[in-house]
PDB file of N, CA and C in Angstrom:
ATOM      1  N   MET A   1      84.568  93.679 118.731  1.00  0.00           N
ATOM      2  CA  MET A   1      85.909  93.448 118.280  1.00  0.00           C
ATOM      3  C   MET A   1      85.900  92.488 117.223  1.00  0.00           C
ATOM      4  N   ASP A   2      86.931  92.403 116.476  1.00  0.00           N
ATOM      5  CA  ASP A   2      86.946  91.590 115.258  1.00  0.00           C
ATOM      6  C   ASP A   2      87.465  90.125 115.617  1.00  0.00           C
ATOM      7  N   GLY A   3      87.748  89.903 116.943  1.00  0.00           N
ATOM      8  CA  GLY A   3      88.256  88.641 117.318  1.00  0.00           C
ATOM      9  C   GLY A   3      89.762  88.440 117.084  1.00  0.00           C
ATOM     10  N   GLU A   4      90.393  89.357 116.486  1.00  0.00           N
ATOM     11  CA  GLU A   4      92.014  89.219 116.184  1.00  0.00           C
ATOM     12  C   GLU A   4      92.602  90.196 117.127  1.00  0.00           C
ATOM     13  N   SER A   5      93.525  89.844 117.931  1.00  0.00           N
ATOM     14  CA  SER A   5      94.207  90.656 118.731  1.00  0.00           C
ATOM     15  C   SER A   5      95.145  91.690 117.963  1.00  0.00           C
ATOM     16  N   SER A   6      95.496  92.714 118.786  1.00  0.00           N
ATOM     17  CA  SER A   6      96.371  93.796 118.142  1.00  0.00           C
ATOM     18  C   SER A   6      97.681  93.313 117.896  1.00  0.00           C
ATOM     19  N   SER A   7      98.206  92.256 118.690  1.00  0.00           N
ATOM     20  CA  SER A   7      99.526  91.683 118.460  1.00  0.00           C
ATOM     21  C   SER A   7      99.444  90.796 117.351  1.00  0.00           C
ATOM     22  N   SER A   8      98.523  90.081 116.955  1.00  0.00           N
ATOM     23  CA  SER A   8      98.485  89.223 115.950  1.00  0.00           C
ATOM     24  C   SER A   8      98.245  89.898 114.576  1.00  0.00           C
ATOM     25  N   ARG A   9      97.512  91.117 114.673  1.00  0.00           N
ATOM     26  CA  ARG A   9      97.346  91.992 113.601  1.00  0.00           C
ATOM     27  C   ARG A   9      98.804  92.557 113.131  1.00  0.00           C
ATOM     28  N   HIS A  10      99.462  93.017 114.120  1.00  0.00           N
ATOM     29  CA  HIS A  10     100.735  93.659 113.884  1.00  0.00           C
ATOM     30  C   HIS A  10     101.713  92.571 113.324  1.00  0.00           C
ATOM     31  N   ASN A  11     101.694  91.371 113.958  1.00  0.00           N
ATOM     32  CA  ASN A  11     102.559  90.312 113.372  1.00  0.00           C
ATOM     33  C   ASN A  11     102.180  90.011 111.862  1.00  0.00           C
ATOM     34  N   LYS A  12     100.841  90.088 111.552  1.00  0.00           N
ATOM     35  CA  LYS A  12     100.447  89.764 110.088  1.00  0.00           C
ATOM     36  C   LYS A  12     100.946  91.046 109.261  1.00  0.00           C
ATOM     37  N   LEU A  13     100.818  92.186 109.790  1.00  0.00           N
ATOM     38  CA  LEU A  13     101.339  93.464 109.087  1.00  0.00           C
ATOM     39  C   LEU A  13     102.705  93.442 108.844  1.00  0.00           C
ATOM     40  N   GLU A  14     103.546  93.058 109.851  1.00  0.00           N
ATOM     41  CA  GLU A  14     104.927  92.837 109.607  1.00  0.00           C
ATOM     42  C   GLU A  14     105.243  91.928 108.759  1.00  0.00           C
ATOM     43  N   SER A  15     104.722  90.726 108.753  1.00  0.00           N
ATOM     44  CA  SER A  15     105.217  89.657 107.682  1.00  0.00           C
ATOM     45  C   SER A  15     104.677  90.021 106.337  1.00  0.00           C
ATOM     46  N   ILE A  16     103.583  90.780 106.192  1.00  0.00           N
ATOM     47  CA  ILE A  16     103.313  91.200 104.807  1.00  0.00           C
ATOM     48  C   ILE A  16     104.349  92.331 104.340  1.00  0.00           C
ATOM     49  N   LEU A  17     104.653  93.198 105.288  1.00  0.00           N
ATOM     50  CA  LEU A  17     105.517  94.421 104.973  1.00  0.00           C
ATOM     51  C   LEU A  17     107.009  93.881 104.807  1.00  0.00           C
ATOM     52  N   GLN A  18     107.404  92.890 105.413  1.00  0.00           N
ATOM     53  CA  GLN A  18     108.794  92.421 105.348  1.00  0.00           C
ATOM     54  C   GLN A  18     108.891  91.482 104.025  1.00  0.00           C
ATOM     55  N   GLY A  19     107.903  91.487 103.104  1.00  0.00           N
ATOM     56  CA  GLY A  19     108.184  90.845 101.797  1.00  0.00           C
ATOM     57  C   GLY A  19     108.064  89.239 101.950  1.00  0.00           C
ATOM     58  N   GLN A  20     107.309  88.800 102.982  1.00  0.00           N
ATOM     59  CA  GLN A  20     107.163  87.344 103.095  1.00  0.00           C
ATOM     60  C   GLN A  20     105.947  87.041 102.179  1.00  0.00           C
ATOM     61  N   SER A  21     105.411  87.971 101.531  1.00  0.00           N
ATOM     62  CA  SER A  21     104.250  87.776 100.725  1.00  0.00           C
ATOM     63  C   SER A  21     104.468  88.237  99.233  1.00  0.00           C
ATOM     64  N   LEU A  22     104.293  87.472  98.264  1.00  0.00           N
ATOM     65  CA  LEU A  22     104.610  87.803  96.752  1.00  0.00           C
ATOM     66  C   LEU A  22     103.736  88.941  96.303  1.00  0.00           C
ATOM     67  N   GLU A  23     102.549  89.046  96.747  1.00  0.00           N
ATOM     68  CA  GLU A  23     101.671  89.998  96.174  1.00  0.00           C
ATOM     69  C   GLU A  23     101.336  91.332  97.015  1.00  0.00           C
ATOM     70  N   PRO A  24     101.234  92.438  96.607  1.00  0.00           N
ATOM     71  CA  PRO A  24     100.741  93.519  97.548  1.00  0.00           C
ATOM     72  C   PRO A  24      99.414  93.188  98.164  1.00  0.00           C
ATOM     73  N   HIS A  25      99.272  93.635  99.378  1.00  0.00           N
ATOM     74  CA  HIS A  25      98.013  93.456 100.133  1.00  0.00           C
ATOM     75  C   HIS A  25      97.331  94.739 100.562  1.00  0.00           C
ATOM     76  N   ASN A  26      96.032  94.658 100.661  1.00  0.00           N
ATOM     77  CA  ASN A  26      95.261  95.739 101.109  1.00  0.00           C
ATOM     78  C   ASN A  26      95.390  95.804 102.673  1.00  0.00           C
ATOM     79  N   LEU A  27      95.828  96.917 103.074  1.00  0.00           N
ATOM     80  CA  LEU A  27      96.208  96.972 104.548  1.00  0.00           C
ATOM     81  C   LEU A  27      95.155  97.939 105.153  1.00  0.00           C
ATOM     82  N   PRO A  28      94.851  97.760 106.459  1.00  0.00           N
ATOM     83  CA  PRO A  28      93.922  98.680 107.149  1.00  0.00           C
ATOM     84  C   PRO A  28      94.465 100.009 107.447  1.00  0.00           C
ATOM     85  N   LEU A  29      93.658 101.047 107.269  1.00  0.00           N
ATOM     86  CA  LEU A  29      94.075 102.454 107.510  1.00  0.00           C
ATOM     87  C   LEU A  29      94.506 102.539 108.881  1.00  0.00           C
ATOM     88  N   LYS A  30      93.789 102.003 109.773  1.00  0.00           N
ATOM     89  CA  LYS A  30      94.069 102.048 111.256  1.00  0.00           C
ATOM     90  C   LYS A  30      95.616 101.776 111.485  1.00  0.00           C
ATOM     91  N   GLU A  31      95.999 100.640 110.933  1.00  0.00           N
ATOM     92  CA  GLU A  31      97.472 100.216 111.286  1.00  0.00           C
ATOM     93  C   GLU A  31      98.518 100.986 110.617  1.00  0.00           C
ATOM     94  N   LEU A  32      98.093 101.593 109.348  1.00  0.00           N
ATOM     95  CA  LEU A  32      99.058 102.510 108.786  1.00  0.00           C
ATOM     96  C   LEU A  32      99.099 103.887 109.633  1.00  0.00           C
ATOM     97  N   LYS A  33      98.052 104.139 110.143  1.00  0.00           N
ATOM     98  CA  LYS A  33      98.116 105.364 110.975  1.00  0.00           C
ATOM     99  C   LYS A  33      99.013 105.105 112.178  1.00  0.00           C
ATOM    100  N   GLU A  34      98.774 103.844 112.739  1.00  0.00           N
ATOM    101  CA  GLU A  34      99.619 103.525 113.925  1.00  0.00           C
ATOM    102  C   GLU A  34     101.156 103.576 113.605  1.00  0.00           C
ATOM    103  N   ILE A  35     101.614 102.882 112.477  1.00  0.00           N
ATOM    104  CA  ILE A  35     103.024 102.860 112.171  1.00  0.00           C
ATOM    105  C   ILE A  35     103.714 104.173 111.794  1.00  0.00           C
ATOM    106  N   THR A  36     102.775 105.171 111.465  1.00  0.00           N
ATOM    107  CA  THR A  36     103.219 106.506 111.023  1.00  0.00           C
ATOM    108  C   THR A  36     102.921 107.551 112.077  1.00  0.00           C
ATOM    109  N   ASN A  37     102.462 107.119 113.269  1.00  0.00           N
ATOM    110  CA  ASN A  37     102.230 107.998 114.262  1.00  0.00           C
ATOM    111  C   ASN A  37     101.074 108.974 113.769  1.00  0.00           C
ATOM    112  N   ASP A  38     100.106 108.508 113.161  1.00  0.00           N
ATOM    113  CA  ASP A  38      99.064 109.192 112.665  1.00  0.00           C
ATOM    114  C   ASP A  38      99.454 110.258 111.642  1.00  0.00           C
ATOM    115  N   PHE A  39     100.553 109.900 110.911  1.00  0.00           N
ATOM    116  CA  PHE A  39     100.923 110.729 109.750  1.00  0.00           C
ATOM    117  C   PHE A  39     101.553 112.015 110.327  1.00  0.00           C
ATOM    118  N   ALA A  40     102.332 111.861 111.380  1.00  0.00           N
ATOM    119  CA  ALA A  40     102.850 113.005 112.085  1.00  0.00           C
ATOM    120  C   ALA A  40     104.081 113.739 111.254  1.00  0.00           C
ATOM    121  N   ASP A  41     103.994 114.977 111.360  1.00  0.00           N
ATOM    122  CA  ASP A  41     105.081 115.828 110.669  1.00  0.00           C
ATOM    123  C   ASP A  41     106.506 115.272 110.857  1.00  0.00           C
ATOM    124  N   GLU A  42     106.843 114.782 111.975  1.00  0.00           N
ATOM    125  CA  GLU A  42     108.203 114.293 112.188  1.00  0.00           C
ATOM    126  C   GLU A  42     108.478 113.004 111.447  1.00  0.00           C
ATOM    127  N   ARG A  43     107.448 112.408 110.885  1.00  0.00           N
ATOM    128  CA  ARG A  43     107.702 111.149 110.053  1.00  0.00           C
ATOM    129  C   ARG A  43     107.703 111.566 108.521  1.00  0.00           C
ATOM    130  N   LEU A  44     107.426 112.713 108.248  1.00  0.00           N
ATOM    131  CA  LEU A  44     107.395 113.044 106.833  1.00  0.00           C
ATOM    132  C   LEU A  44     108.732 113.004 106.115  1.00  0.00           C
ATOM    133  N   LEU A  45     108.800 112.154 105.139  1.00  0.00           N
ATOM    134  CA  LEU A  45     109.997 111.996 104.354  1.00  0.00           C
ATOM    135  C   LEU A  45     110.144 112.930 103.205  1.00  0.00           C
ATOM    136  N   GLY A  46     108.992 113.303 102.488  1.00  0.00           N
ATOM    137  CA  GLY A  46     109.054 114.058 101.451  1.00  0.00           C
ATOM    138  C   GLY A  46     107.544 114.302 100.867  1.00  0.00           C
ATOM    139  N   GLN A  47     107.553 115.175  99.840  1.00  0.00           N
ATOM    140  CA  GLN A  47     106.184 115.424  99.251  1.00  0.00           C
ATOM    141  C   GLN A  47     106.206 115.946  97.859  1.00  0.00           C
ATOM    142  N   GLY A  48     105.240 115.584  97.133  1.00  0.00           N
ATOM    143  CA  GLY A  48     105.338 116.014  95.653  1.00  0.00           C
ATOM    144  C   GLY A  48     103.771 116.434  95.341  1.00  0.00           C
ATOM    145  N   GLY A  49     103.587 116.424  94.019  1.00  0.00           N
ATOM    146  CA  GLY A  49     102.297 116.914  93.486  1.00  0.00           C
ATOM    147  C   GLY A  49     101.199 116.052  93.770  1.00  0.00           C
ATOM    148  N   PHE A  50     101.299 114.662  94.039  1.00  0.00           N
ATOM    149  CA  PHE A  50     100.187 113.766  94.396  1.00  0.00           C
ATOM    150  C   PHE A  50     100.179 113.221  95.856  1.00  0.00           C
ATOM    151  N   GLY A  51     100.936 113.760  96.750  1.00  0.00           N
ATOM    152  CA  GLY A  51     100.821 113.339  98.030  1.00  0.00           C
ATOM    153  C   GLY A  51     102.221 113.369  98.825  1.00  0.00           C
ATOM    154  N   LYS A  52     102.206 113.058 100.045  1.00  0.00           N
ATOM    155  CA  LYS A  52     103.221 113.044 101.054  1.00  0.00           C
ATOM    156  C   LYS A  52     103.804 111.602 101.331  1.00  0.00           C
ATOM    157  N   VAL A  53     105.042 111.504 101.562  1.00  0.00           N
ATOM    158  CA  VAL A  53     105.560 110.173 101.970  1.00  0.00           C
ATOM    159  C   VAL A  53     105.864 110.253 103.411  1.00  0.00           C
ATOM    160  N   TYR A  54     105.509 109.242 104.197  1.00  0.00           N
ATOM    161  CA  TYR A  54     105.878 109.111 105.591  1.00  0.00           C
ATOM    162  C   TYR A  54     106.698 107.916 105.903  1.00  0.00           C
ATOM    163  N   LYS A  55     107.444 108.061 106.965  1.00  0.00           N
ATOM    164  CA  LYS A  55     108.172 106.637 107.480  1.00  0.00           C
ATOM    165  C   LYS A  55     107.327 105.973 108.489  1.00  0.00           C
ATOM    166  N   GLY A  56     107.062 104.777 108.021  1.00  0.00           N
ATOM    167  CA  GLY A  56     106.257 103.943 109.003  1.00  0.00           C
ATOM    168  C   GLY A  56     107.350 103.006 109.833  1.00  0.00           C
ATOM    169  N   VAL A  57     107.214 102.972 110.990  1.00  0.00           N
ATOM    170  CA  VAL A  57     108.053 102.074 111.741  1.00  0.00           C
ATOM    171  C   VAL A  57     107.231 100.925 112.502  1.00  0.00           C
ATOM    172  N   LEU A  58     107.680  99.780 112.109  1.00  0.00           N
ATOM    173  CA  LEU A  58     106.940  98.603 112.584  1.00  0.00           C
ATOM    174  C   LEU A  58     107.520  98.283 113.922  1.00  0.00           C
ATOM    175  N   ARG A  59     106.861  97.384 114.726  1.00  0.00           N
ATOM    176  CA  ARG A  59     107.144  97.171 116.168  1.00  0.00           C
ATOM    177  C   ARG A  59     108.525  96.565 116.258  1.00  0.00           C
ATOM    178  N   ASN A  60     108.970  95.779 115.198  1.00  0.00           N
ATOM    179  CA  ASN A  60     110.391  95.253 115.226  1.00  0.00           C
ATOM    180  C   ASN A  60     111.483  96.139 114.852  1.00  0.00           C
ATOM    181  N   GLY A  61     111.168  97.306 114.570  1.00  0.00           N
ATOM    182  CA  GLY A  61     112.126  98.468 114.103  1.00  0.00           C
ATOM    183  C   GLY A  61     112.189  98.550 112.586  1.00  0.00           C
ATOM    184  N   ASP A  62     111.759  97.596 111.776  1.00  0.00           N
ATOM    185  CA  ASP A  62     111.946  97.762 110.376  1.00  0.00           C
ATOM    186  C   ASP A  62     110.998  99.045 109.910  1.00  0.00           C
ATOM    187  N   MET A  63     111.381  99.593 108.784  1.00  0.00           N
ATOM    188  CA  MET A  63     110.779 100.741 108.259  1.00  0.00           C
ATOM    189  C   MET A  63     110.089 100.471 106.902  1.00  0.00           C
ATOM    190  N   ILE A  64     109.101 101.347 106.591  1.00  0.00           N
ATOM    191  CA  ILE A  64     108.539 101.169 105.282  1.00  0.00           C
ATOM    192  C   ILE A  64     107.870 102.555 104.866  1.00  0.00           C
ATOM    193  N   ALA A  65     107.939 102.871 103.556  1.00  0.00           N
ATOM    194  CA  ALA A  65     107.543 104.203 103.182  1.00  0.00           C
ATOM    195  C   ALA A  65     105.957 104.064 102.893  1.00  0.00           C
ATOM    196  N   VAL A  66     105.172 105.028 103.466  1.00  0.00           N
ATOM    197  CA  VAL A  66     103.790 105.113 103.258  1.00  0.00           C
ATOM    198  C   VAL A  66     103.462 106.415 102.534  1.00  0.00           C
ATOM    199  N   LYS A  67     102.905 106.263 101.244  1.00  0.00           N
ATOM    200  CA  LYS A  67     102.591 107.457 100.505  1.00  0.00           C
ATOM    201  C   LYS A  67     101.201 107.650 100.543  1.00  0.00           C
ATOM    202  N   LYS A  68     100.828 108.862 101.130  1.00  0.00           N
ATOM    203  CA  LYS A  68      99.392 109.297 101.362  1.00  0.00           C
ATOM    204  C   LYS A  68      99.098 110.136 100.231  1.00  0.00           C
ATOM    205  N   LEU A  69      98.260 109.728  99.436  1.00  0.00           N
ATOM    206  CA  LEU A  69      97.894 110.591  98.237  1.00  0.00           C
ATOM    207  C   LEU A  69      96.984 111.544  98.553  1.00  0.00           C
ATOM    208  N   THR A  70      97.087 112.807  98.006  1.00  0.00           N
ATOM    209  CA  THR A  70      96.262 113.944  98.014  1.00  0.00           C
ATOM    210  C   THR A  70      95.334 113.925  96.739  1.00  0.00           C
ATOM    211  N   TRP A  71      94.267 114.502  96.840  1.00  0.00           N
ATOM    212  CA  TRP A  71      93.282 114.399  95.711  1.00  0.00           C
ATOM    213  C   TRP A  71      92.833 115.704  95.113  1.00  0.00           C
ATOM    214  N   LEU A  72      92.656 115.706  93.822  1.00  0.00           N
ATOM    215  CA  LEU A  72      92.113 116.748  92.953  1.00  0.00           C
ATOM    216  C   LEU A  72      90.839 116.164  92.589  1.00  0.00           C
ATOM    217  N   THR A  73      89.808 117.001  92.673  1.00  0.00           N
ATOM    218  CA  THR A  73      88.443 116.554  92.228  1.00  0.00           C
ATOM    219  C   THR A  73      88.438 115.837  90.764  1.00  0.00           C
ATOM    220  N   GLY A  74      88.047 114.683  90.651  1.00  0.00           N
ATOM    221  CA  GLY A  74      87.718 114.091  89.368  1.00  0.00           C
ATOM    222  C   GLY A  74      88.954 113.194  88.895  1.00  0.00           C
ATOM    223  N   ILE A  75      90.096 113.165  89.509  1.00  0.00           N
ATOM    224  CA  ILE A  75      91.112 112.146  89.152  1.00  0.00           C
ATOM    225  C   ILE A  75      91.510 111.207  90.240  1.00  0.00           C
ATOM    226  N   GLN A  76      90.954 111.341  91.357  1.00  0.00           N
ATOM    227  CA  GLN A  76      91.300 110.472  92.482  1.00  0.00           C
ATOM    228  C   GLN A  76      91.459 109.123  92.197  1.00  0.00           C
ATOM    229  N   ASP A  77      90.417 108.451  92.063  1.00  0.00           N
ATOM    230  CA  ASP A  77      90.207 106.965  91.992  1.00  0.00           C
ATOM    231  C   ASP A  77      90.964 106.505  90.629  1.00  0.00           C
ATOM    232  N   LYS A  78      90.845 107.107  89.550  1.00  0.00           N
ATOM    233  CA  LYS A  78      91.478 106.666  88.413  1.00  0.00           C
ATOM    234  C   LYS A  78      92.995 106.766  88.553  1.00  0.00           C
ATOM    235  N   HIS A  79      93.550 107.743  89.103  1.00  0.00           N
ATOM    236  CA  HIS A  79      94.943 108.011  89.236  1.00  0.00           C
ATOM    237  C   HIS A  79      95.449 106.858  90.265  1.00  0.00           C
ATOM    238  N   TYR A  80      94.821 106.736  91.415  1.00  0.00           N
ATOM    239  CA  TYR A  80      95.076 105.701  92.348  1.00  0.00           C
ATOM    240  C   TYR A  80      95.045 104.338  91.763  1.00  0.00           C
ATOM    241  N   GLU A  81      94.112 104.044  91.068  1.00  0.00           N
ATOM    242  CA  GLU A  81      94.059 102.514  90.542  1.00  0.00           C
ATOM    243  C   GLU A  81      95.122 102.392  89.516  1.00  0.00           C
ATOM    244  N   ASN A  82      95.385 103.379  88.707  1.00  0.00           N
ATOM    245  CA  ASN A  82      96.455 103.253  87.769  1.00  0.00           C
ATOM    246  C   ASN A  82      97.805 103.116  88.342  1.00  0.00           C
ATOM    247  N   GLU A  83      98.035 103.941  89.403  1.00  0.00           N
ATOM    248  CA  GLU A  83      99.412 103.839  90.151  1.00  0.00           C
ATOM    249  C   GLU A  83      99.395 102.372  90.701  1.00  0.00           C
ATOM    250  N   VAL A  84      98.466 101.969  91.396  1.00  0.00           N
ATOM    251  CA  VAL A  84      98.546 100.733  92.072  1.00  0.00           C
ATOM    252  C   VAL A  84      98.784  99.451  90.967  1.00  0.00           C
ATOM    253  N   ARG A  85      98.037  99.595  89.963  1.00  0.00           N
ATOM    254  CA  ARG A  85      98.142  98.668  88.962  1.00  0.00           C
ATOM    255  C   ARG A  85      99.576  98.482  88.204  1.00  0.00           C
ATOM    256  N   HIS A  86     100.086  99.699  88.000  1.00  0.00           N
ATOM    257  CA  HIS A  86     101.482  99.915  87.425  1.00  0.00           C
ATOM    258  C   HIS A  86     102.489  99.341  88.374  1.00  0.00           C
ATOM    259  N   LEU A  87     102.387  99.855  89.612  1.00  0.00           N
ATOM    260  CA  LEU A  87     103.362  99.414  90.715  1.00  0.00           C
ATOM    261  C   LEU A  87     103.387  97.790  90.982  1.00  0.00           C
ATOM    262  N   MET A  88     102.065  97.200  90.787  1.00  0.00           N
ATOM    263  CA  MET A  88     102.079  95.896  91.085  1.00  0.00           C
ATOM    264  C   MET A  88     102.809  95.024  89.984  1.00  0.00           C
ATOM    265  N   ARG A  89     102.858  95.519  88.841  1.00  0.00           N
ATOM    266  CA  ARG A  89     103.562  94.904  87.684  1.00  0.00           C
ATOM    267  C   ARG A  89     104.870  94.927  87.661  1.00  0.00           C
ATOM    268  N   LEU A  90     105.516  96.093  88.171  1.00  0.00           N
ATOM    269  CA  LEU A  90     106.877  96.501  88.127  1.00  0.00           C
ATOM    270  C   LEU A  90     107.776  95.528  89.064  1.00  0.00           C
ATOM    271  N   LYS A  91     108.713  94.812  88.517  1.00  0.00           N
ATOM    272  CA  LYS A  91     109.592  94.026  89.394  1.00  0.00           C
ATOM    273  C   LYS A  91     110.955  94.331  88.838  1.00  0.00           C
ATOM    274  N   HIS A  92     111.827  95.097  89.438  1.00  0.00           N
ATOM    275  CA  HIS A  92     113.112  95.400  88.962  1.00  0.00           C
ATOM    276  C   HIS A  92     113.974  95.687  90.320  1.00  0.00           C
ATOM    277  N   PRO A  93     115.219  95.321  90.231  1.00  0.00           N
ATOM    278  CA  PRO A  93     116.056  95.559  91.568  1.00  0.00           C
ATOM    279  C   PRO A  93     116.198  96.980  91.840  1.00  0.00           C
ATOM    280  N   ASN A  94     116.249  97.852  90.797  1.00  0.00           N
ATOM    281  CA  ASN A  94     116.356  99.319  91.027  1.00  0.00           C
ATOM    282  C   ASN A  94     115.173 100.086  91.349  1.00  0.00           C
ATOM    283  N   ILE A  95     113.988  99.464  91.555  1.00  0.00           N
ATOM    284  CA  ILE A  95     112.813 100.108  91.628  1.00  0.00           C
ATOM    285  C   ILE A  95     112.117  99.650  92.872  1.00  0.00           C
ATOM    286  N   VAL A  96     111.756 100.545  93.960  1.00  0.00           N
ATOM    287  CA  VAL A  96     111.166 100.147  95.089  1.00  0.00           C
ATOM    288  C   VAL A  96     109.855  99.386  94.766  1.00  0.00           C
ATOM    289  N   GLN A  97     109.565  98.342  95.631  1.00  0.00           N
ATOM    290  CA  GLN A  97     108.425  97.520  95.349  1.00  0.00           C
ATOM    291  C   GLN A  97     107.233  97.853  96.192  1.00  0.00           C
ATOM    292  N   LEU A  98     106.076  97.731  95.498  1.00  0.00           N
ATOM    293  CA  LEU A  98     104.791  98.043  96.174  1.00  0.00           C
ATOM    294  C   LEU A  98     104.383  96.818  97.189  1.00  0.00           C
ATOM    295  N   VAL A  99     104.342  97.096  98.441  1.00  0.00           N
ATOM    296  CA  VAL A  99     104.052  95.806  99.207  1.00  0.00           C
ATOM    297  C   VAL A  99     102.647  95.905  99.845  1.00  0.00           C
ATOM    298  N   GLY A 100     102.037  97.007  99.645  1.00  0.00           N
ATOM    299  CA  GLY A 100     100.724  97.173 100.235  1.00  0.00           C
ATOM    300  C   GLY A 100     100.061  98.542  99.672  1.00  0.00           C
ATOM    301  N   TYR A 101      98.743  98.551  99.720  1.00  0.00           N
ATOM    302  CA  TYR A 101      97.927  99.660  99.552  1.00  0.00           C
ATOM    303  C   TYR A 101      96.782  99.714 100.537  1.00  0.00           C
ATOM    304  N   CYS A 102      96.137 100.855 100.621  1.00  0.00           N
ATOM    305  CA  CYS A 102      94.863 101.024 101.315  1.00  0.00           C
ATOM    306  C   CYS A 102      94.057 102.091 100.591  1.00  0.00           C
ATOM    307  N   SER A 103      92.816 101.593 100.588  1.00  0.00           N
ATOM    308  CA  SER A 103      91.740 102.462  99.815  1.00  0.00           C
ATOM    309  C   SER A 103      90.561 102.367 100.785  1.00  0.00           C
ATOM    310  N   GLU A 104      90.405 103.393 101.737  1.00  0.00           N
ATOM    311  CA  GLU A 104      89.393 103.421 102.789  1.00  0.00           C
ATOM    312  C   GLU A 104      88.651 104.843 102.729  1.00  0.00           C
ATOM    313  N   THR A 105      87.386 104.945 103.089  1.00  0.00           N
ATOM    314  CA  THR A 105      86.774 106.058 103.217  1.00  0.00           C
ATOM    315  C   THR A 105      86.235 106.240 104.787  1.00  0.00           C
ATOM    316  N   GLU A 106      86.845 107.288 105.363  1.00  0.00           N
ATOM    317  CA  GLU A 106      86.535 107.554 106.860  1.00  0.00           C
ATOM    318  C   GLU A 106      85.267 108.567 106.907  1.00  0.00           C
ATOM    319  N   THR A 107      84.345 108.297 107.780  1.00  0.00           N
ATOM    320  CA  THR A 107      83.259 109.225 108.089  1.00  0.00           C
ATOM    321  C   THR A 107      83.831 110.191 109.272  1.00  0.00           C
ATOM    322  N   LYS A 108      83.769 111.455 109.060  1.00  0.00           N
ATOM    323  CA  LYS A 108      84.268 112.214 110.197  1.00  0.00           C
ATOM    324  C   LYS A 108      83.206 113.302 110.561  1.00  0.00           C
ATOM    325  N   ARG A 109      83.145 113.763 111.806  1.00  0.00           N
ATOM    326  CA  ARG A 109      82.276 114.793 112.371  1.00  0.00           C
ATOM    327  C   ARG A 109      82.889 116.144 112.142  1.00  0.00           C
ATOM    328  N   VAL A 110      82.444 116.992 111.333  1.00  0.00           N
ATOM    329  CA  VAL A 110      83.168 118.310 111.136  1.00  0.00           C
ATOM    330  C   VAL A 110      82.132 119.451 111.317  1.00  0.00           C
ATOM    331  N   ARG A 111      82.661 120.645 111.831  1.00  0.00           N
ATOM    332  CA  ARG A 111      81.798 121.738 111.825  1.00  0.00           C
ATOM    333  C   ARG A 111      81.678 122.544 110.404  1.00  0.00           C
ATOM    334  N   TYR A 112      80.514 122.717 110.038  1.00  0.00           N
ATOM    335  CA  TYR A 112      80.214 123.444 108.828  1.00  0.00           C
ATOM    336  C   TYR A 112      79.028 124.465 108.973  1.00  0.00           C
ATOM    337  N   LYS A 113      79.349 125.674 108.696  1.00  0.00           N
ATOM    338  CA  LYS A 113      78.389 126.711 108.872  1.00  0.00           C
ATOM    339  C   LYS A 113      77.670 126.788 110.140  1.00  0.00           C
ATOM    340  N   GLY A 114      78.570 126.490 111.236  1.00  0.00           N
ATOM    341  CA  GLY A 114      78.138 126.623 112.637  1.00  0.00           C
ATOM    342  C   GLY A 114      77.361 125.327 113.110  1.00  0.00           C
ATOM    343  N   LYS A 115      77.138 124.324 112.290  1.00  0.00           N
ATOM    344  CA  LYS A 115      76.672 122.965 112.754  1.00  0.00           C
ATOM    345  C   LYS A 115      77.661 121.926 112.580  1.00  0.00           C
ATOM    346  N   TYR A 116      77.522 120.753 113.157  1.00  0.00           N
ATOM    347  CA  TYR A 116      78.211 119.656 113.066  1.00  0.00           C
ATOM    348  C   TYR A 116      77.492 118.848 112.072  1.00  0.00           C
ATOM    349  N   VAL A 117      78.395 118.301 111.025  1.00  0.00           N
ATOM    350  CA  VAL A 117      77.880 117.420 109.931  1.00  0.00           C
ATOM    351  C   VAL A 117      78.901 116.284 109.922  1.00  0.00           C
ATOM    352  N   TYR A 118      78.380 115.167 109.290  1.00  0.00           N
ATOM    353  CA  TYR A 118      79.233 114.076 109.025  1.00  0.00           C
ATOM    354  C   TYR A 118      79.649 114.124 107.566  1.00  0.00           C
ATOM    355  N   ALA A 119      80.959 114.051 107.296  1.00  0.00           N
ATOM    356  CA  ALA A 119      81.656 114.133 105.838  1.00  0.00           C
ATOM    357  C   ALA A 119      82.348 112.947 105.733  1.00  0.00           C
ATOM    358  N   GLU A 120      82.430 112.397 104.525  1.00  0.00           N
ATOM    359  CA  GLU A 120      83.239 111.403 103.990  1.00  0.00           C
ATOM    360  C   GLU A 120      84.561 111.895 103.566  1.00  0.00           C
ATOM    361  N   LYS A 121      85.689 111.144 104.000  1.00  0.00           N
ATOM    362  CA  LYS A 121      87.028 111.494 103.636  1.00  0.00           C
ATOM    363  C   LYS A 121      87.722 110.349 103.113  1.00  0.00           C
ATOM    364  N   PRO A 122      87.882 110.297 101.788  1.00  0.00           N
ATOM    365  CA  PRO A 122      88.568 109.125 101.177  1.00  0.00           C
ATOM    366  C   PRO A 122      90.039 109.249 101.442  1.00  0.00           C
ATOM    367  N   GLU A 123      90.601 108.061 101.868  1.00  0.00           N
ATOM    368  CA  GLU A 123      92.064 107.892 102.144  1.00  0.00           C
ATOM    369  C   GLU A 123      92.639 107.013 101.099  1.00  0.00           C
ATOM    370  N   ARG A 124      93.689 107.281 100.395  1.00  0.00           N
ATOM    371  CA  ARG A 124      94.289 106.333  99.388  1.00  0.00           C
ATOM    372  C   ARG A 124      95.878 106.310  99.691  1.00  0.00           C
ATOM    373  N   LEU A 125      96.381 105.179 100.038  1.00  0.00           N
ATOM    374  CA  LEU A 125      97.766 105.029 100.385  1.00  0.00           C
ATOM    375  C   LEU A 125      98.416 104.026  99.787  1.00  0.00           C
ATOM    376  N   LEU A 126      99.829 104.140  99.550  1.00  0.00           N
ATOM    377  CA  LEU A 126     100.535 103.054  98.972  1.00  0.00           C
ATOM    378  C   LEU A 126     101.772 102.825  99.932  1.00  0.00           C
ATOM    379  N   CYS A 127     102.110 101.508 100.104  1.00  0.00           N
ATOM    380  CA  CYS A 127     103.271 101.181 101.030  1.00  0.00           C
ATOM    381  C   CYS A 127     104.205 100.698 100.114  1.00  0.00           C
ATOM    382  N   LEU A 128     105.454 101.186 100.258  1.00  0.00           N
ATOM    383  CA  LEU A 128     106.736 100.724  99.365  1.00  0.00           C
ATOM    384  C   LEU A 128     107.859 100.311 100.335  1.00  0.00           C
ATOM    385  N   GLU A 129     108.543  99.372  99.756  1.00  0.00           N
ATOM    386  CA  GLU A 129     109.743  98.860 100.533  1.00  0.00           C
ATOM    387  C   GLU A 129     110.688  99.966 100.893  1.00  0.00           C
TER     388      GLU A 129
END
């Protein structure tokens, strides 16, 4: 265990997402899965060419938009880095603010040609107010 309780992690996540921090933070994929019910269809708010947006619900009932980006080979990381960089600089009352982001790679066991293999699955997410 990492020594930090689930409750204190959630309190930290809630304080970050409630705007008590001035800069966007790198948020753990595990916690974003929890607040979106593992990116459940009933939490889907919309989708576009670069991903789907889910409603994240914090323990205190506050909501946050979590954009899960989908990838086309070759542009993933460059597009993600550009979007994060631009959203971090934008500060305007009519534009939603970037409050957090996540860039993790999961290792999953999948069946391929009749055998189980381990595959890496990159996850890139943006959290918006």
